[in-house]
Protein backbone atom coordinates (compact mmCIF):
# COMPACT_ATOMS: atom_id res chain seq x y z
CA MET A 1 -8.58 -6.68 -7.05
CA LEU A 2 -5.62 -5.17 -5.22
CA HIS A 3 -6.03 -1.47 -4.46
CA SER A 4 -2.93 -0.77 -2.39
CA MET A 5 0.68 -1.87 -2.75
CA THR A 6 3.64 -0.98 -0.56
CA GLY A 7 7.24 -1.93 -1.31
CA PHE A 8 10.18 -1.61 1.03
CA ALA A 9 13.84 -2.64 0.85
CA ARG A 10 16.87 -1.94 3.00
CA GLU A 11 20.45 -3.10 2.57
CA SER A 12 23.60 -2.44 4.55
CA LEU A 13 27.21 -2.98 3.45
CA GLU A 14 30.23 -2.71 5.72
CA SER A 15 33.75 -2.07 4.42
CA PRO A 16 37.05 -0.80 5.86
CA LEU A 17 36.02 2.69 4.70
CA GLY A 18 32.74 2.67 6.62
CA THR A 19 29.16 1.47 6.39
CA LEU A 20 26.83 2.10 3.46
CA THR A 21 23.09 1.77 4.07
CA TRP A 22 20.39 2.34 1.46
CA GLU A 23 16.65 2.27 1.83
CA LEU A 24 14.05 2.15 -0.92
CA ARG A 25 10.38 2.76 -0.27
CA ALA A 26 7.49 2.99 -2.73
CA VAL A 27 3.82 3.44 -1.87
CA ASN A 28 1.17 3.00 -4.57
CA HIS A 29 3.79 3.96 -7.20
CA ARG A 30 3.09 7.62 -6.35
CA TYR A 31 6.08 8.33 -4.13
CA LEU A 32 9.62 7.01 -4.28
CA ASP A 33 12.05 7.83 -1.47
CA VAL A 34 15.72 6.98 -1.87
């Protein structure tokens, strides 16, 4: 049985207007930081 799960994603997009970076982090489905 799995008791702990951690998810993490990061993406970066560059355009003539600048750079857009987003980060998504979820720990045990209790917290979600965007």
